Amino acid sequence: MYASYNKLWKLLIDKNMKKKDLMAITGISQATIGKLGRSETVNSDVLIRICAALNCDIGDIMEVIKE
């Protein structure tokens, strides 16, 4: 199983935001954005900051994919 953040990228498009905008409002690093892009594990604090900034729930930005 792995985490997919495709929902996050779609949400950013829907909100007319870029990754650099997300970095600015959450304070997350470019390395963390890279991890999200590669569907790697990130700290839950990062996910909570993203949800707070985008006013959404964690299920709105990620899903667990069973291989």
PDB file of N, CA and C in Angstrom:
ATOM      1  N   MET A   1       0.848  -1.187   0.000  1.00  0.00           N
ATOM      2  CA  MET A   1       0.000   0.000   0.000  1.00  0.00           C
ATOM      3  C   MET A   1       0.886   1.241   0.000  1.00  0.00           C
ATOM      4  N   TYR A   2       0.343   2.295  -0.584  1.00  0.00           N
ATOM      5  CA  TYR A   2       1.058   3.564  -0.585  1.00  0.00           C
ATOM      6  C   TYR A   2       0.048   4.708  -0.617  1.00  0.00           C
ATOM      7  N   ALA A   3       0.522   5.869  -0.247  1.00  0.00           N
ATOM      8  CA  ALA A   3      -0.333   7.059  -0.236  1.00  0.00           C
ATOM      9  C   ALA A   3      -0.222   7.768  -1.570  1.00  0.00           C
ATOM     10  N   SER A   4      -1.360   8.137  -2.122  1.00  0.00           N
ATOM     11  CA  SER A   4      -1.390   8.921  -3.355  1.00  0.00           C
ATOM     12  C   SER A   4      -1.892  10.320  -3.015  1.00  0.00           C
ATOM     13  N   TYR A   5      -1.204  11.326  -3.527  1.00  0.00           N
ATOM     14  CA  TYR A   5      -1.578  12.712  -3.267  1.00  0.00           C
ATOM     15  C   TYR A   5      -2.167  13.372  -4.513  1.00  0.00           C
ATOM     16  N   ASN A   6      -2.658  12.574  -5.443  1.00  0.00           N
ATOM     17  CA  ASN A   6      -3.265  13.116  -6.661  1.00  0.00           C
ATOM     18  C   ASN A   6      -4.444  14.036  -6.346  1.00  0.00           C
ATOM     19  N   LYS A   7      -5.161  13.730  -5.275  1.00  0.00           N
ATOM     20  CA  LYS A   7      -6.283  14.589  -4.877  1.00  0.00           C
ATOM     21  C   LYS A   7      -5.796  15.987  -4.498  1.00  0.00           C
ATOM     22  N   LEU A   8      -4.618  16.063  -3.895  1.00  0.00           N
ATOM     23  CA  LEU A   8      -4.043  17.353  -3.529  1.00  0.00           C
ATOM     24  C   LEU A   8      -3.768  18.184  -4.774  1.00  0.00           C
ATOM     25  N   TRP A   9      -3.156  17.560  -5.777  1.00  0.00           N
ATOM     26  CA  TRP A   9      -2.818  18.304  -6.992  1.00  0.00           C
ATOM     27  C   TRP A   9      -4.078  18.779  -7.710  1.00  0.00           C
ATOM     28  N   LYS A  10      -5.123  17.953  -7.711  1.00  0.00           N
ATOM     29  CA  LYS A  10      -6.380  18.356  -8.334  1.00  0.00           C
ATOM     30  C   LYS A  10      -7.013  19.515  -7.553  1.00  0.00           C
ATOM     31  N   LEU A  11      -6.951  19.442  -6.225  1.00  0.00           N
ATOM     32  CA  LEU A  11      -7.503  20.505  -5.392  1.00  0.00           C
ATOM     33  C   LEU A  11      -6.774  21.830  -5.656  1.00  0.00           C
ATOM     34  N   LEU A  12      -5.463  21.769  -5.802  1.00  0.00           N
ATOM     35  CA  LEU A  12      -4.700  22.988  -6.106  1.00  0.00           C
ATOM     36  C   LEU A  12      -5.143  23.576  -7.442  1.00  0.00           C
ATOM     37  N   ILE A  13      -5.359  22.723  -8.433  1.00  0.00           N
ATOM     38  CA  ILE A  13      -5.837  23.201  -9.735  1.00  0.00           C
ATOM     39  C   ILE A  13      -7.206  23.848  -9.582  1.00  0.00           C
ATOM     40  N   ASP A  14      -8.091  23.193  -8.829  1.00  0.00           N
ATOM     41  CA  ASP A  14      -9.434  23.733  -8.621  1.00  0.00           C
ATOM     42  C   ASP A  14      -9.407  25.088  -7.927  1.00  0.00           C
ATOM     43  N   LYS A  15      -8.415  25.282  -7.038  1.00  0.00           N
ATOM     44  CA  LYS A  15      -8.295  26.541  -6.309  1.00  0.00           C
ATOM     45  C   LYS A  15      -7.391  27.543  -7.038  1.00  0.00           C
ATOM     46  N   ASN A  16      -6.960  27.171  -8.252  1.00  0.00           N
ATOM     47  CA  ASN A  16      -6.092  28.021  -9.062  1.00  0.00           C
ATOM     48  C   ASN A  16      -4.800  28.382  -8.310  1.00  0.00           C
ATOM     49  N   MET A  17      -4.206  27.372  -7.672  1.00  0.00           N
ATOM     50  CA  MET A  17      -2.983  27.556  -6.904  1.00  0.00           C
ATOM     51  C   MET A  17      -1.866  26.729  -7.525  1.00  0.00           C
ATOM     52  N   LYS A  18      -0.646  27.170  -7.274  1.00  0.00           N
ATOM     53  CA  LYS A  18       0.535  26.432  -7.703  1.00  0.00           C
ATOM     54  C   LYS A  18       1.226  25.850  -6.484  1.00  0.00           C
ATOM     55  N   LYS A  19       2.146  24.959  -6.735  1.00  0.00           N
ATOM     56  CA  LYS A  19       2.880  24.340  -5.627  1.00  0.00           C
ATOM     57  C   LYS A  19       3.620  25.395  -4.810  1.00  0.00           C
ATOM     58  N   LYS A  20       4.157  26.404  -5.480  1.00  0.00           N
ATOM     59  CA  LYS A  20       4.886  27.444  -4.742  1.00  0.00           C
ATOM     60  C   LYS A  20       3.939  28.236  -3.843  1.00  0.00           C
ATOM     61  N   ASP A  21       2.665  28.389  -4.251  1.00  0.00           N
ATOM     62  CA  ASP A  21       1.674  29.045  -3.394  1.00  0.00           C
ATOM     63  C   ASP A  21       1.432  28.216  -2.140  1.00  0.00           C
ATOM     64  N   LEU A  22       1.327  26.901  -2.336  1.00  0.00           N
ATOM     65  CA  LEU A  22       1.129  25.995  -1.200  1.00  0.00           C
ATOM     66  C   LEU A  22       2.314  26.066  -0.247  1.00  0.00           C
ATOM     67  N   MET A  23       3.518  26.109  -0.802  1.00  0.00           N
ATOM     68  CA  MET A  23       4.714  26.223   0.033  1.00  0.00           C
ATOM     69  C   MET A  23       4.689  27.513   0.843  1.00  0.00           C
ATOM     70  N   ALA A  24       4.254  28.601   0.217  1.00  0.00           N
ATOM     71  CA  ALA A  24       4.238  29.900   0.895  1.00  0.00           C
ATOM     72  C   ALA A  24       3.237  29.949   2.040  1.00  0.00           C
ATOM     73  N   ILE A  25       2.065  29.381   1.846  1.00  0.00           N
ATOM     74  CA  ILE A  25       1.042  29.499   2.896  1.00  0.00           C
ATOM     75  C   ILE A  25       1.172  28.446   3.994  1.00  0.00           C
ATOM     76  N   THR A  26       1.916  27.359   3.717  1.00  0.00           N
ATOM     77  CA  THR A  26       2.069  26.312   4.725  1.00  0.00           C
ATOM     78  C   THR A  26       3.446  26.286   5.368  1.00  0.00           C
ATOM     79  N   GLY A  27       4.446  26.846   4.676  1.00  0.00           N
ATOM     80  CA  GLY A  27       5.809  26.809   5.193  1.00  0.00           C
ATOM     81  C   GLY A  27       6.508  25.478   4.951  1.00  0.00           C
ATOM     82  N   ILE A  28       5.935  24.619   4.115  1.00  0.00           N
ATOM     83  CA  ILE A  28       6.598  23.355   3.819  1.00  0.00           C
ATOM     84  C   ILE A  28       7.668  23.584   2.760  1.00  0.00           C
ATOM     85  N   SER A  29       8.652  22.723   2.763  1.00  0.00           N
ATOM     86  CA  SER A  29       9.810  22.901   1.885  1.00  0.00           C
ATOM     87  C   SER A  29       9.576  22.310   0.498  1.00  0.00           C
ATOM     88  N   GLN A  30      10.458  22.678  -0.405  1.00  0.00           N
ATOM     89  CA  GLN A  30      10.410  22.133  -1.760  1.00  0.00           C
ATOM     90  C   GLN A  30      10.687  20.630  -1.729  1.00  0.00           C
ATOM     91  N   ALA A  31      11.531  20.189  -0.801  1.00  0.00           N
ATOM     92  CA  ALA A  31      11.822  18.756  -0.659  1.00  0.00           C
ATOM     93  C   ALA A  31      10.561  17.983  -0.275  1.00  0.00           C
ATOM     94  N   THR A  32       9.749  18.575   0.587  1.00  0.00           N
ATOM     95  CA  THR A  32       8.502  17.934   0.987  1.00  0.00           C
ATOM     96  C   THR A  32       7.519  17.892  -0.172  1.00  0.00           C
ATOM     97  N   ILE A  33       7.457  18.954  -0.951  1.00  0.00           N
ATOM     98  CA  ILE A  33       6.616  18.958  -2.153  1.00  0.00           C
ATOM     99  C   ILE A  33       7.072  17.842  -3.093  1.00  0.00           C
ATOM    100  N   GLY A  34       8.376  17.651  -3.190  1.00  0.00           N
ATOM    101  CA  GLY A  34       8.919  16.570  -4.008  1.00  0.00           C
ATOM    102  C   GLY A  34       8.487  15.206  -3.515  1.00  0.00           C
ATOM    103  N   LYS A  35       8.514  15.017  -2.198  1.00  0.00           N
ATOM    104  CA  LYS A  35       8.059  13.749  -1.616  1.00  0.00           C
ATOM    105  C   LYS A  35       6.587  13.510  -1.924  1.00  0.00           C
ATOM    106  N   LEU A  36       5.786  14.550  -1.809  1.00  0.00           N
ATOM    107  CA  LEU A  36       4.370  14.422  -2.129  1.00  0.00           C
ATOM    108  C   LEU A  36       4.189  14.051  -3.593  1.00  0.00           C
ATOM    109  N   GLY A  37       4.979  14.652  -4.458  1.00  0.00           N
ATOM    110  CA  GLY A  37       4.894  14.364  -5.882  1.00  0.00           C
ATOM    111  C   GLY A  37       5.277  12.935  -6.230  1.00  0.00           C
ATOM    112  N   ARG A  38       6.156  12.353  -5.422  1.00  0.00           N
ATOM    113  CA  ARG A  38       6.592  10.971  -5.646  1.00  0.00           C
ATOM    114  C   ARG A  38       5.792   9.976  -4.814  1.00  0.00           C
ATOM    115  N   SER A  39       4.742  10.458  -4.156  1.00  0.00           N
ATOM    116  CA  SER A  39       3.883   9.623  -3.301  1.00  0.00           C
ATOM    117  C   SER A  39       4.674   8.933  -2.192  1.00  0.00           C
ATOM    118  N   GLU A  40       5.658   9.641  -1.644  1.00  0.00           N
ATOM    119  CA  GLU A  40       6.434   9.126  -0.526  1.00  0.00           C
ATOM    120  C   GLU A  40       5.771   9.529   0.787  1.00  0.00           C
ATOM    121  N   THR A  41       6.180   8.902   1.849  1.00  0.00           N
ATOM    122  CA  THR A  41       5.629   9.190   3.167  1.00  0.00           C
ATOM    123  C   THR A  41       6.078  10.562   3.643  1.00  0.00           C
ATOM    124  N   VAL A  42       5.134  11.327   4.183  1.00  0.00           N
ATOM    125  CA  VAL A  42       5.452  12.615   4.802  1.00  0.00           C
ATOM    126  C   VAL A  42       4.851  12.631   6.201  1.00  0.00           C
ATOM    127  N   ASN A  43       5.365  13.504   7.012  1.00  0.00           N
ATOM    128  CA  ASN A  43       4.920  13.641   8.389  1.00  0.00           C
ATOM    129  C   ASN A  43       3.451  14.076   8.438  1.00  0.00           C
ATOM    130  N   SER A  44       2.720  13.568   9.392  1.00  0.00           N
ATOM    131  CA  SER A  44       1.303  13.934   9.517  1.00  0.00           C
ATOM    132  C   SER A  44       1.131  15.423   9.819  1.00  0.00           C
ATOM    133  N   ASP A  45       2.110  16.048  10.457  1.00  0.00           N
ATOM    134  CA  ASP A  45       2.036  17.487  10.716  1.00  0.00           C
ATOM    135  C   ASP A  45       1.973  18.275   9.411  1.00  0.00           C
ATOM    136  N   VAL A  46       2.694  17.797   8.401  1.00  0.00           N
ATOM    137  CA  VAL A  46       2.675  18.446   7.087  1.00  0.00           C
ATOM    138  C   VAL A  46       1.278  18.351   6.492  1.00  0.00           C
ATOM    139  N   LEU A  47       0.692  17.174   6.566  1.00  0.00           N
ATOM    140  CA  LEU A  47      -0.650  16.984   6.017  1.00  0.00           C
ATOM    141  C   LEU A  47      -1.680  17.844   6.744  1.00  0.00           C
ATOM    142  N   ILE A  48      -1.536  17.973   8.040  1.00  0.00           N
ATOM    143  CA  ILE A  48      -2.452  18.809   8.835  1.00  0.00           C
ATOM    144  C   ILE A  48      -2.301  20.276   8.450  1.00  0.00           C
ATOM    145  N   ARG A  49      -1.065  20.731   8.242  1.00  0.00           N
ATOM    146  CA  ARG A  49      -0.849  22.123   7.815  1.00  0.00           C
ATOM    147  C   ARG A  49      -1.467  22.389   6.448  1.00  0.00           C
ATOM    148  N   ILE A  50      -1.332  21.418   5.549  1.00  0.00           N
ATOM    149  CA  ILE A  50      -1.933  21.563   4.219  1.00  0.00           C
ATOM    150  C   ILE A  50      -3.452  21.639   4.339  1.00  0.00           C
ATOM    151  N   CYS A  51      -4.035  20.754   5.134  1.00  0.00           N
ATOM    152  CA  CYS A  51      -5.494  20.762   5.315  1.00  0.00           C
ATOM    153  C   CYS A  51      -5.971  22.073   5.926  1.00  0.00           C
ATOM    154  N   ALA A  52      -5.243  22.588   6.891  1.00  0.00           N
ATOM    155  CA  ALA A  52      -5.618  23.852   7.521  1.00  0.00           C
ATOM    156  C   ALA A  52      -5.550  24.995   6.518  1.00  0.00           C
ATOM    157  N   ALA A  53      -4.506  25.001   5.696  1.00  0.00           N
ATOM    158  CA  ALA A  53      -4.327  26.082   4.725  1.00  0.00           C
ATOM    159  C   ALA A  53      -5.378  26.033   3.615  1.00  0.00           C
ATOM    160  N   LEU A  54      -5.766  24.835   3.225  1.00  0.00           N
ATOM    161  CA  LEU A  54      -6.724  24.679   2.124  1.00  0.00           C
ATOM    162  C   LEU A  54      -8.167  24.517   2.620  1.00  0.00           C
ATOM    163  N   ASN A  55      -8.321  24.527   3.954  1.00  0.00           N
ATOM    164  CA  ASN A  55      -9.644  24.381   4.565  1.00  0.00           C
ATOM    165  C   ASN A  55     -10.346  23.112   4.067  1.00  0.00           C
ATOM    166  N   CYS A  56      -9.652  21.984   4.247  1.00  0.00           N
ATOM    167  CA  CYS A  56     -10.195  20.713   3.790  1.00  0.00           C
ATOM    168  C   CYS A  56      -9.859  19.614   4.790  1.00  0.00           C
ATOM    169  N   ASP A  57     -10.328  18.405   4.510  1.00  0.00           N
ATOM    170  CA  ASP A  57     -10.067  17.237   5.342  1.00  0.00           C
ATOM    171  C   ASP A  57      -8.952  16.416   4.696  1.00  0.00           C
ATOM    172  N   ILE A  58      -8.322  15.573   5.461  1.00  0.00           N
ATOM    173  CA  ILE A  58      -7.196  14.793   4.942  1.00  0.00           C
ATOM    174  C   ILE A  58      -7.616  13.900   3.776  1.00  0.00           C
ATOM    175  N   GLY A  59      -8.843  13.413   3.788  1.00  0.00           N
ATOM    176  CA  GLY A  59      -9.341  12.597   2.690  1.00  0.00           C
ATOM    177  C   GLY A  59      -9.509  13.379   1.396  1.00  0.00           C
ATOM    178  N   ASP A  60      -9.494  14.712   1.492  1.00  0.00           N
ATOM    179  CA  ASP A  60      -9.600  15.548   0.314  1.00  0.00           C
ATOM    180  C   ASP A  60      -8.254  15.716  -0.400  1.00  0.00           C
ATOM    181  N   ILE A  61      -7.152  15.368   0.284  1.00  0.00           N
ATOM    182  CA  ILE A  61      -5.835  15.574  -0.320  1.00  0.00           C
ATOM    183  C   ILE A  61      -5.060  14.291  -0.564  1.00  0.00           C
ATOM    184  N   MET A  62      -5.509  13.184   0.012  1.00  0.00           N
ATOM    185  CA  MET A  62      -4.772  11.934  -0.166  1.00  0.00           C
ATOM    186  C   MET A  62      -5.688  10.737  -0.111  1.00  0.00           C
ATOM    187  N   GLU A  63      -5.187   9.622  -0.606  1.00  0.00           N
ATOM    188  CA  GLU A  63      -5.884   8.353  -0.467  1.00  0.00           C
ATOM    189  C   GLU A  63      -4.848   7.244  -0.405  1.00  0.00           C
ATOM    190  N   VAL A  64      -5.205   6.144   0.232  1.00  0.00           N
ATOM    191  CA  VAL A  64      -4.334   4.994   0.325  1.00  0.00           C
ATOM    192  C   VAL A  64      -4.682   4.051  -0.816  1.00  0.00           C
ATOM    193  N   ILE A  65      -3.673   3.669  -1.569  1.00  0.00           N
ATOM    194  CA  ILE A  65      -3.837   2.783  -2.718  1.00  0.00           C
ATOM    195  C   ILE A  65      -3.310   1.413  -2.352  1.00  0.00           C
ATOM    196  N   LYS A  66      -4.133   0.411  -2.534  1.00  0.00           N
ATOM    197  CA  LYS A  66      -3.695  -0.971  -2.304  1.00  0.00           C
ATOM    198  C   LYS A  66      -3.110  -1.495  -3.606  1.00  0.00           C
ATOM    199  N   GLU A  67      -1.918  -2.049  -3.506  1.00  0.00           N
ATOM    200  CA  GLU A  67      -1.250  -2.541  -4.718  1.00  0.00           C
ATOM    201  C   GLU A  67      -1.793  -3.874  -5.132  1.00  0.00           C
TER     202      GLU A  67
END
